[in-house]
Amino acid sequence: MLFGLMVAVIIGGIVGWLAGIVVKGGGMGLVGNVIVGILGGVLAGWLLPRVGIPMGDGWAATIGFPLVGAIIILLVLRLIRR
């Protein structure tokens, strides 16, 4: 269980960092990036199957789909901040 949590934090950090690069000026620091990355994974896991995109497995499910979710979160946060 602890290993799974550590992996989720590491992948969340990577995904959040990548999303911050894609959404210029969207980086939120280390802790913020981890949170955005993890929430992006949760959002992608909920949203993408509902619009007909199967999650599958491999790199797309591990990095790609959470990245899409994190980008969506950063774009929504950017709209709210304006």
Protein backbone atom coordinates (compact mmCIF):
# COMPACT_ATOMS: atom_id res chain seq x y z
CA MET A 1 0.00 0.00 0.00
CA LEU A 2 2.80 2.42 0.83
CA PHE A 3 4.56 1.58 -2.44
CA GLY A 4 1.37 2.30 -4.41
CA LEU A 5 1.02 5.66 -2.68
CA MET A 6 4.64 6.54 -3.46
CA VAL A 7 4.15 5.60 -7.12
CA ALA A 8 0.96 7.71 -7.30
CA VAL A 9 2.81 10.71 -5.84
CA ILE A 10 5.76 10.31 -8.23
CA ILE A 11 3.55 9.87 -11.30
CA GLY A 12 1.29 12.70 -10.09
CA GLY A 13 4.32 14.97 -9.81
CA ILE A 14 5.51 14.10 -13.30
CA VAL A 15 2.05 14.55 -14.79
CA GLY A 16 1.50 17.84 -12.94
CA TRP A 17 4.89 19.14 -14.07
CA LEU A 18 4.19 18.19 -17.70
CA ALA A 19 0.74 19.78 -17.53
CA GLY A 20 2.35 22.97 -16.15
CA ILE A 21 4.67 23.02 -19.18
CA VAL A 22 1.82 22.45 -21.64
CA VAL A 23 -0.38 25.11 -20.00
CA LYS A 24 2.20 27.87 -19.92
CA GLY A 25 2.25 29.56 -16.54
CA GLY A 26 0.15 26.78 -15.07
CA GLY A 27 2.84 25.30 -12.84
CA MET A 28 1.87 25.34 -9.18
CA GLY A 29 5.06 24.30 -7.41
CA LEU A 30 6.01 20.79 -6.34
CA VAL A 31 3.10 20.06 -4.01
CA GLY A 32 0.59 21.75 -6.31
CA ASN A 33 1.88 19.79 -9.31
CA VAL A 34 1.54 16.50 -7.42
CA ILE A 35 -2.02 17.38 -6.39
CA VAL A 36 -2.98 18.51 -9.90
CA GLY A 37 -1.42 15.35 -11.37
CA ILE A 38 -3.26 13.02 -9.00
CA LEU A 39 -6.55 14.89 -9.48
CA GLY A 40 -5.93 14.81 -13.23
CA GLY A 41 -5.67 11.03 -13.06
CA VAL A 42 -8.90 10.81 -11.11
CA LEU A 43 -10.65 13.19 -13.53
CA ALA A 44 -9.40 11.28 -16.57
CA GLY A 45 -10.44 7.96 -15.04
CA TRP A 46 -13.94 9.31 -14.55
CA LEU A 47 -14.40 11.50 -17.65
CA LEU A 48 -12.73 9.72 -20.55
CA PRO A 49 -14.71 6.45 -20.36
CA ARG A 50 -17.93 8.49 -20.24
CA VAL A 51 -17.09 10.17 -23.56
CA GLY A 52 -16.23 6.83 -25.16
CA ILE A 53 -12.44 6.75 -24.80
CA PRO A 54 -11.33 3.45 -23.24
CA MET A 55 -8.56 3.80 -20.66
CA GLY A 56 -6.65 0.61 -21.52
CA ASP A 57 -3.23 0.13 -19.99
CA GLY A 58 0.42 0.96 -20.66
CA TRP A 59 1.98 4.39 -20.94
CA ALA A 60 -1.17 6.04 -22.25
CA ALA A 61 -3.11 5.05 -19.15
CA THR A 62 -0.24 5.81 -16.79
CA ILE A 63 0.91 9.19 -18.09
CA GLY A 64 -1.17 10.27 -21.09
CA PHE A 65 -4.70 10.16 -19.73
CA PRO A 66 -3.84 11.73 -16.35
CA LEU A 67 -1.97 14.41 -18.31
CA VAL A 68 -5.17 15.21 -20.22
CA GLY A 69 -7.06 15.43 -16.93
CA ALA A 70 -4.39 17.66 -15.35
CA ILE A 71 -4.41 19.98 -18.36
CA ILE A 72 -8.18 20.27 -18.09
CA ILE A 73 -7.86 21.11 -14.39
CA LEU A 74 -5.20 23.77 -15.04
CA LEU A 75 -7.27 25.36 -17.80
CA VAL A 76 -10.33 25.48 -15.55
CA LEU A 77 -8.24 26.98 -12.73
CA ARG A 78 -6.90 29.59 -15.15
CA LEU A 79 -10.46 30.54 -16.13
CA ILE A 80 -11.51 30.79 -12.48
CA ARG A 81 -8.53 32.99 -11.57
CA ARG A 82 -9.41 35.57 -14.25
